[in-house]
PDB file of N, CA and C in Angstrom:
ATOM      1  N   MET A   1       6.925 145.827  95.591  1.00  0.00           N
ATOM      2  CA  MET A   1       7.304 145.277  96.879  1.00  0.00           C
ATOM      3  C   MET A   1       8.155 144.035  96.630  1.00  0.00           C
ATOM      4  N   GLU A   2       9.314 143.977  97.257  1.00  0.00           N
ATOM      5  CA  GLU A   2      10.226 142.870  97.080  1.00  0.00           C
ATOM      6  C   GLU A   2       9.933 141.751  98.078  1.00  0.00           C
ATOM      7  N   CYS A   3      10.157 140.546  97.660  1.00  0.00           N
ATOM      8  CA  CYS A   3       9.821 139.383  98.472  1.00  0.00           C
ATOM      9  C   CYS A   3      10.533 139.366  99.823  1.00  0.00           C
ATOM     10  N   GLN A   4      11.801 139.754  99.859  1.00  0.00           N
ATOM     11  CA  GLN A   4      12.532 139.661 101.131  1.00  0.00           C
ATOM     12  C   GLN A   4      11.905 140.544 102.203  1.00  0.00           C
ATOM     13  N   TYR A   5      11.176 141.568 101.832  1.00  0.00           N
ATOM     14  CA  TYR A   5      10.533 142.437 102.811  1.00  0.00           C
ATOM     15  C   TYR A   5       9.243 141.823 103.370  1.00  0.00           C
ATOM     16  N   LEU A   6       8.765 140.800 102.729  1.00  0.00           N
ATOM     17  CA  LEU A   6       7.512 140.191 103.158  1.00  0.00           C
ATOM     18  C   LEU A   6       7.687 139.090 104.198  1.00  0.00           C
ATOM     19  N   ASP A   7       8.885 138.592 104.358  1.00  0.00           N
ATOM     20  CA  ASP A   7       9.096 137.474 105.277  1.00  0.00           C
ATOM     21  C   ASP A   7       8.601 137.757 106.691  1.00  0.00           C
ATOM     22  N   ASP A   8       8.616 138.994 107.095  1.00  0.00           N
ATOM     23  CA  ASP A   8       8.203 139.337 108.451  1.00  0.00           C
ATOM     24  C   ASP A   8       6.739 139.760 108.566  1.00  0.00           C
ATOM     25  N   VAL A   9       6.006 139.734 107.460  1.00  0.00           N
ATOM     26  CA  VAL A   9       4.637 140.257 107.528  1.00  0.00           C
ATOM     27  C   VAL A   9       3.543 139.259 107.172  1.00  0.00           C
ATOM     28  N   TYR A  10       3.893 138.058 106.773  1.00  0.00           N
ATOM     29  CA  TYR A  10       2.855 137.100 106.376  1.00  0.00           C
ATOM     30  C   TYR A  10       1.836 136.860 107.485  1.00  0.00           C
ATOM     31  N   GLU A  11       2.326 136.610 108.692  1.00  0.00           N
ATOM     32  CA  GLU A  11       1.414 136.347 109.807  1.00  0.00           C
ATOM     33  C   GLU A  11       0.558 137.571 110.116  1.00  0.00           C
ATOM     34  N   LEU A  12       1.181 138.749 110.101  1.00  0.00           N
ATOM     35  CA  LEU A  12       0.429 139.984 110.357  1.00  0.00           C
ATOM     36  C   LEU A  12      -0.644 140.193 109.291  1.00  0.00           C
ATOM     37  N   PHE A  13      -0.314 139.888 108.049  1.00  0.00           N
ATOM     38  CA  PHE A  13      -1.270 140.014 106.952  1.00  0.00           C
ATOM     39  C   PHE A  13      -2.472 139.101 107.186  1.00  0.00           C
ATOM     40  N   LEU A  14      -2.198 137.842 107.542  1.00  0.00           N
ATOM     41  CA  LEU A  14      -3.282 136.884 107.775  1.00  0.00           C
ATOM     42  C   LEU A  14      -4.163 137.266 108.952  1.00  0.00           C
ATOM     43  N   LEU A  15      -3.572 137.892 109.942  1.00  0.00           N
ATOM     44  CA  LEU A  15      -4.327 138.294 111.126  1.00  0.00           C
ATOM     45  C   LEU A  15      -5.014 139.645 110.948  1.00  0.00           C
ATOM     46  N   GLY A  16      -4.801 140.294 109.807  1.00  0.00           N
ATOM     47  CA  GLY A  16      -5.426 141.585 109.551  1.00  0.00           C
ATOM     48  C   GLY A  16      -4.813 142.717 110.360  1.00  0.00           C
ATOM     49  N   LEU A  17      -3.538 142.601 110.700  1.00  0.00           N
ATOM     50  CA  LEU A  17      -2.896 143.578 111.556  1.00  0.00           C
ATOM     51  C   LEU A  17      -2.009 144.580 110.814  1.00  0.00           C
ATOM     52  N   LEU A  18      -1.965 144.485 109.496  1.00  0.00           N
ATOM     53  CA  LEU A  18      -1.192 145.460 108.730  1.00  0.00           C
ATOM     54  C   LEU A  18      -2.014 146.719 108.494  1.00  0.00           C
ATOM     55  N   LYS A  19      -1.321 147.811 108.286  1.00  0.00           N
ATOM     56  CA  LYS A  19      -2.006 149.044 107.907  1.00  0.00           C
ATOM     57  C   LYS A  19      -2.648 148.803 106.543  1.00  0.00           C
ATOM     58  N   PRO A  20      -3.755 149.480 106.247  1.00  0.00           N
ATOM     59  CA  PRO A  20      -4.460 149.224 104.988  1.00  0.00           C
ATOM     60  C   PRO A  20      -3.563 149.310 103.749  1.00  0.00           C
ATOM     61  N   LYS A  21      -2.692 150.303 103.688  1.00  0.00           N
ATOM     62  CA  LYS A  21      -1.824 150.445 102.517  1.00  0.00           C
ATOM     63  C   LYS A  21      -0.879 149.258 102.395  1.00  0.00           C
ATOM     64  N   GLU A  22      -0.302 148.836 103.523  1.00  0.00           N
ATOM     65  CA  GLU A  22       0.603 147.681 103.500  1.00  0.00           C
ATOM     66  C   GLU A  22      -0.137 146.416 103.107  1.00  0.00           C
ATOM     67  N   ALA A  23      -1.335 146.230 103.653  1.00  0.00           N
ATOM     68  CA  ALA A  23      -2.127 145.043 103.332  1.00  0.00           C
ATOM     69  C   ALA A  23      -2.455 145.004 101.845  1.00  0.00           C
ATOM     70  N   THR A  24      -2.772 146.147 101.275  1.00  0.00           N
ATOM     71  CA  THR A  24      -3.074 146.223  99.848  1.00  0.00           C
ATOM     72  C   THR A  24      -1.855 145.855  99.019  1.00  0.00           C
ATOM     73  N   GLU A  25      -0.688 146.361  99.424  1.00  0.00           N
ATOM     74  CA  GLU A  25       0.543 146.042  98.694  1.00  0.00           C
ATOM     75  C   GLU A  25       0.851 144.544  98.743  1.00  0.00           C
ATOM     76  N   VAL A  26       0.681 143.942  99.911  1.00  0.00           N
ATOM     77  CA  VAL A  26       0.925 142.503 100.044  1.00  0.00           C
ATOM     78  C   VAL A  26      -0.074 141.732  99.187  1.00  0.00           C
ATOM     79  N   LYS A  27      -1.335 142.095  99.268  1.00  0.00           N
ATOM     80  CA  LYS A  27      -2.380 141.410  98.496  1.00  0.00           C
ATOM     81  C   LYS A  27      -2.112 141.510  96.997  1.00  0.00           C
ATOM     82  N   GLU A  28      -1.756 142.697  96.531  1.00  0.00           N
ATOM     83  CA  GLU A  28      -1.465 142.884  95.104  1.00  0.00           C
ATOM     84  C   GLU A  28      -0.257 142.054  94.683  1.00  0.00           C
ATOM     85  N   HIS A  29       0.740 141.995  95.536  1.00  0.00           N
ATOM     86  CA  HIS A  29       1.923 141.185  95.233  1.00  0.00           C
ATOM     87  C   HIS A  29       1.535 139.714  95.127  1.00  0.00           C
ATOM     88  N   LEU A  30       0.745 139.229  96.065  1.00  0.00           N
ATOM     89  CA  LEU A  30       0.321 137.830  96.034  1.00  0.00           C
ATOM     90  C   LEU A  30      -0.537 137.529  94.806  1.00  0.00           C
ATOM     91  N   GLU A  31      -1.354 138.475  94.404  1.00  0.00           N
ATOM     92  CA  GLU A  31      -2.216 138.285  93.236  1.00  0.00           C
ATOM     93  C   GLU A  31      -1.411 138.152  91.949  1.00  0.00           C
ATOM     94  N   ARG A  32      -0.172 138.635  91.955  1.00  0.00           N
ATOM     95  CA  ARG A  32       0.688 138.485  90.783  1.00  0.00           C
ATOM     96  C   ARG A  32       1.264 137.079  90.686  1.00  0.00           C
ATOM     97  N   GLY A  33       0.992 136.251  91.696  1.00  0.00           N
ATOM     98  CA  GLY A  33       1.341 134.830  91.625  1.00  0.00           C
ATOM     99  C   GLY A  33       2.759 134.479  92.026  1.00  0.00           C
ATOM    100  N   CYS A  34       3.368 135.249  92.879  1.00  0.00           N
ATOM    101  CA  CYS A  34       4.733 134.968  93.325  1.00  0.00           C
ATOM    102  C   CYS A  34       4.771 133.614  94.045  1.00  0.00           C
ATOM    103  N   PRO A  35       5.441 132.615  93.480  1.00  0.00           N
ATOM    104  CA  PRO A  35       5.451 131.291  94.115  1.00  0.00           C
ATOM    105  C   PRO A  35       6.165 131.290  95.470  1.00  0.00           C
ATOM    106  N   TYR A  36       7.228 132.052  95.602  1.00  0.00           N
ATOM    107  CA  TYR A  36       7.948 132.141  96.879  1.00  0.00           C
ATOM    108  C   TYR A  36       7.002 132.624  97.974  1.00  0.00           C
ATOM    109  N   CYS A  37       6.296 133.697  97.703  1.00  0.00           N
ATOM    110  CA  CYS A  37       5.411 134.289  98.710  1.00  0.00           C
ATOM    111  C   CYS A  37       4.199 133.410  98.993  1.00  0.00           C
ATOM    112  N   LYS A  38       3.665 132.774  97.977  1.00  0.00           N
ATOM    113  CA  LYS A  38       2.523 131.885  98.213  1.00  0.00           C
ATOM    114  C   LYS A  38       2.915 130.731  99.126  1.00  0.00           C
ATOM    115  N   ASP A  39       4.093 130.150  98.890  1.00  0.00           N
ATOM    116  CA  ASP A  39       4.558 129.060  99.758  1.00  0.00           C
ATOM    117  C   ASP A  39       4.747 129.542 101.191  1.00  0.00           C
ATOM    118  N   HIS A  40       5.365 130.705 101.345  1.00  0.00           N
ATOM    119  CA  HIS A  40       5.612 131.226 102.683  1.00  0.00           C
ATOM    120  C   HIS A  40       4.319 131.681 103.368  1.00  0.00           C
ATOM    121  N   LEU A  41       3.371 132.134 102.579  1.00  0.00           N
ATOM    122  CA  LEU A  41       2.081 132.503 103.151  1.00  0.00           C
ATOM    123  C   LEU A  41       1.357 131.266 103.675  1.00  0.00           C
ATOM    124  N   ARG A  42       1.456 130.164 102.959  1.00  0.00           N
ATOM    125  CA  ARG A  42       0.848 128.908 103.431  1.00  0.00           C
ATOM    126  C   ARG A  42       1.485 128.464 104.746  1.00  0.00           C
ATOM    127  N   GLU A  43       2.812 128.564 104.821  1.00  0.00           N
ATOM    128  CA  GLU A  43       3.496 128.218 106.070  1.00  0.00           C
ATOM    129  C   GLU A  43       3.049 129.134 107.208  1.00  0.00           C
ATOM    130  N   ALA A  44       2.904 130.416 106.906  1.00  0.00           N
ATOM    131  CA  ALA A  44       2.460 131.374 107.921  1.00  0.00           C
ATOM    132  C   ALA A  44       1.042 131.042 108.378  1.00  0.00           C
ATOM    133  N   ALA A  45       0.195 130.630 107.450  1.00  0.00           N
ATOM    134  CA  ALA A  45      -1.185 130.278 107.799  1.00  0.00           C
ATOM    135  C   ALA A  45      -1.201 129.094 108.766  1.00  0.00           C
ATOM    136  N   GLN A  46      -0.340 128.125 108.522  1.00  0.00           N
ATOM    137  CA  GLN A  46      -0.262 126.984 109.447  1.00  0.00           C
ATOM    138  C   GLN A  46       0.225 127.444 110.816  1.00  0.00           C
ATOM    139  N   SER A  47       1.229 128.303 110.820  1.00  0.00           N
ATOM    140  CA  SER A  47       1.757 128.812 112.096  1.00  0.00           C
ATOM    141  C   SER A  47       0.689 129.566 112.876  1.00  0.00           C
ATOM    142  N   VAL A  48      -0.038 130.435 112.181  1.00  0.00           N
ATOM    143  CA  VAL A  48      -1.090 131.209 112.833  1.00  0.00           C
ATOM    144  C   VAL A  48      -2.150 130.271 113.395  1.00  0.00           C
ATOM    145  N   TYR A  49      -2.543 129.300 112.621  1.00  0.00           N
ATOM    146  CA  TYR A  49      -3.564 128.357 113.082  1.00  0.00           C
ATOM    147  C   TYR A  49      -3.100 127.609 114.334  1.00  0.00           C
ATOM    148  N   PHE A  50      -1.870 127.098 114.304  1.00  0.00           N
ATOM    149  CA  PHE A  50      -1.379 126.343 115.457  1.00  0.00           C
ATOM    150  C   PHE A  50      -1.194 127.233 116.676  1.00  0.00           C
ATOM    151  N   LEU A  51      -0.707 128.444 116.481  1.00  0.00           N
ATOM    152  CA  LEU A  51      -0.565 129.360 117.614  1.00  0.00           C
ATOM    153  C   LEU A  51      -1.911 129.687 118.234  1.00  0.00           C
ATOM    154  N   LEU A  52      -2.894 129.911 117.387  1.00  0.00           N
ATOM    155  CA  LEU A  52      -4.224 130.205 117.903  1.00  0.00           C
ATOM    156  C   LEU A  52      -4.838 128.986 118.587  1.00  0.00           C
ATOM    157  N   SER A  53      -4.450 127.807 118.135  1.00  0.00           N
ATOM    158  CA  SER A  53      -5.029 126.602 118.723  1.00  0.00           C
ATOM    159  C   SER A  53      -4.513 126.354 120.140  1.00  0.00           C
ATOM    160  N   VAL A  54      -3.338 126.870 120.471  1.00  0.00           N
ATOM    161  CA  VAL A  54      -2.821 126.669 121.828  1.00  0.00           C
ATOM    162  C   VAL A  54      -3.063 127.875 122.722  1.00  0.00           C
ATOM    163  N   ALA A  55      -3.496 128.967 122.137  1.00  0.00           N
ATOM    164  CA  ALA A  55      -3.765 130.168 122.926  1.00  0.00           C
ATOM    165  C   ALA A  55      -4.891 129.895 123.916  1.00  0.00           C
ATOM    166  N   LYS A  56      -4.639 130.178 125.166  1.00  0.00           N
ATOM    167  CA  LYS A  56      -5.618 129.996 126.232  1.00  0.00           C
ATOM    168  C   LYS A  56      -6.137 128.568 126.309  1.00  0.00           C
ATOM    169  N   GLY A  57      -5.353 127.625 125.789  1.00  0.00           N
ATOM    170  CA  GLY A  57      -5.749 126.224 125.882  1.00  0.00           C
ATOM    171  C   GLY A  57      -6.997 125.880 125.104  1.00  0.00           C
ATOM    172  N   ARG A  58      -7.346 126.720 124.135  1.00  0.00           N
ATOM    173  CA  ARG A  58      -8.556 126.474 123.363  1.00  0.00           C
ATOM    174  C   ARG A  58      -8.199 126.247 121.913  1.00  0.00           C
ATOM    175  N   LYS A  59      -8.920 125.374 121.303  1.00  0.00           N
ATOM    176  CA  LYS A  59      -8.753 125.116 119.880  1.00  0.00           C
ATOM    177  C   LYS A  59      -9.612 126.107 119.100  1.00  0.00           C
ATOM    178  N   PRO A  60      -9.043 126.738 118.063  1.00  0.00           N
ATOM    179  CA  PRO A  60      -9.858 127.661 117.276  1.00  0.00           C
ATOM    180  C   PRO A  60     -10.951 126.896 116.532  1.00  0.00           C
ATOM    181  N   PRO A  61     -12.022 127.563 116.244  1.00  0.00           N
ATOM    182  CA  PRO A  61     -13.096 126.888 115.523  1.00  0.00           C
ATOM    183  C   PRO A  61     -12.637 126.459 114.135  1.00  0.00           C
ATOM    184  N   ASN A  62     -13.192 125.372 113.648  1.00  0.00           N
ATOM    185  CA  ASN A  62     -12.851 124.894 112.309  1.00  0.00           C
ATOM    186  C   ASN A  62     -13.113 125.951 111.251  1.00  0.00           C
ATOM    187  N   SER A  63     -14.075 126.835 111.510  1.00  0.00           N
ATOM    188  CA  SER A  63     -14.380 127.874 110.531  1.00  0.00           C
ATOM    189  C   SER A  63     -13.190 128.811 110.331  1.00  0.00           C
ATOM    190  N   LEU A  64     -12.363 128.998 111.372  1.00  0.00           N
ATOM    191  CA  LEU A  64     -11.183 129.848 111.237  1.00  0.00           C
ATOM    192  C   LEU A  64     -10.187 129.215 110.280  1.00  0.00           C
ATOM    193  N   LYS A  65      -9.947 127.936 110.459  1.00  0.00           N
ATOM    194  CA  LYS A  65      -9.035 127.243 109.554  1.00  0.00           C
ATOM    195  C   LYS A  65      -9.568 127.307 108.128  1.00  0.00           C
ATOM    196  N   ALA A  66     -10.853 127.088 107.970  1.00  0.00           N
ATOM    197  CA  ALA A  66     -11.466 127.138 106.647  1.00  0.00           C
ATOM    198  C   ALA A  66     -11.328 128.523 106.034  1.00  0.00           C
ATOM    199  N   GLU A  67     -11.515 129.561 106.828  1.00  0.00           N
ATOM    200  CA  GLU A  67     -11.405 130.934 106.325  1.00  0.00           C
ATOM    201  C   GLU A  67      -9.969 131.242 105.891  1.00  0.00           C
ATOM    202  N   ILE A  68      -8.994 130.808 106.665  1.00  0.00           N
ATOM    203  CA  ILE A  68      -7.588 131.020 106.289  1.00  0.00           C
ATOM    204  C   ILE A  68      -7.291 130.296 104.986  1.00  0.00           C
ATOM    205  N   LEU A  69      -7.742 129.068 104.856  1.00  0.00           N
ATOM    206  CA  LEU A  69      -7.499 128.316 103.621  1.00  0.00           C
ATOM    207  C   LEU A  69      -8.197 128.958 102.428  1.00  0.00           C
ATOM    208  N   ARG A  70      -9.428 129.452 102.631  1.00  0.00           N
ATOM    209  CA  ARG A  70     -10.142 130.130 101.543  1.00  0.00           C
ATOM    210  C   ARG A  70      -9.374 131.376 101.106  1.00  0.00           C
ATOM    211  N   SER A  71      -8.835 132.120 102.069  1.00  0.00           N
ATOM    212  CA  SER A  71      -8.094 133.340 101.707  1.00  0.00           C
ATOM    213  C   SER A  71      -6.844 133.000 100.925  1.00  0.00           C
ATOM    214  N   LEU A  72      -6.224 131.862 101.208  1.00  0.00           N
ATOM    215  CA  LEU A  72      -5.054 131.451 100.451  1.00  0.00           C
ATOM    216  C   LEU A  72      -5.416 131.084  99.018  1.00  0.00           C
ATOM    217  N   HIS A  73      -6.562 130.447  98.850  1.00  0.00           N
ATOM    218  CA  HIS A  73      -6.992 130.049  97.497  1.00  0.00           C
ATOM    219  C   HIS A  73      -7.380 131.266  96.665  1.00  0.00           C
ATOM    220  N   ARG A  74      -7.823 132.336  97.314  1.00  0.00           N
ATOM    221  CA  ARG A  74      -8.207 133.538  96.582  1.00  0.00           C
ATOM    222  C   ARG A  74      -7.002 134.302  96.095  1.00  0.00           C
ATOM    223  N   THR A  75      -5.843 134.116  96.755  1.00  0.00           N
ATOM    224  CA  THR A  75      -4.648 134.872  96.346  1.00  0.00           C
ATOM    225  C   THR A  75      -3.865 134.162  95.286  1.00  0.00           C
TER     226      THR A  75
END
């Protein structure tokens, strides 16, 4: 999987909205330590967190932020 194809899927990956095969491919790519993708995944995680924090005027629970950060450290 090439990095340029991942630019549009980081947020979907974090939200668990990719098809299982696609999610596996993204996860395997990240596990290989691609610095470009890791940086962009971190940016996507921040975007997802902030978007969720303004959704319906409610702040997401701190556990959500912690879970996103833990998933980034595992990759």
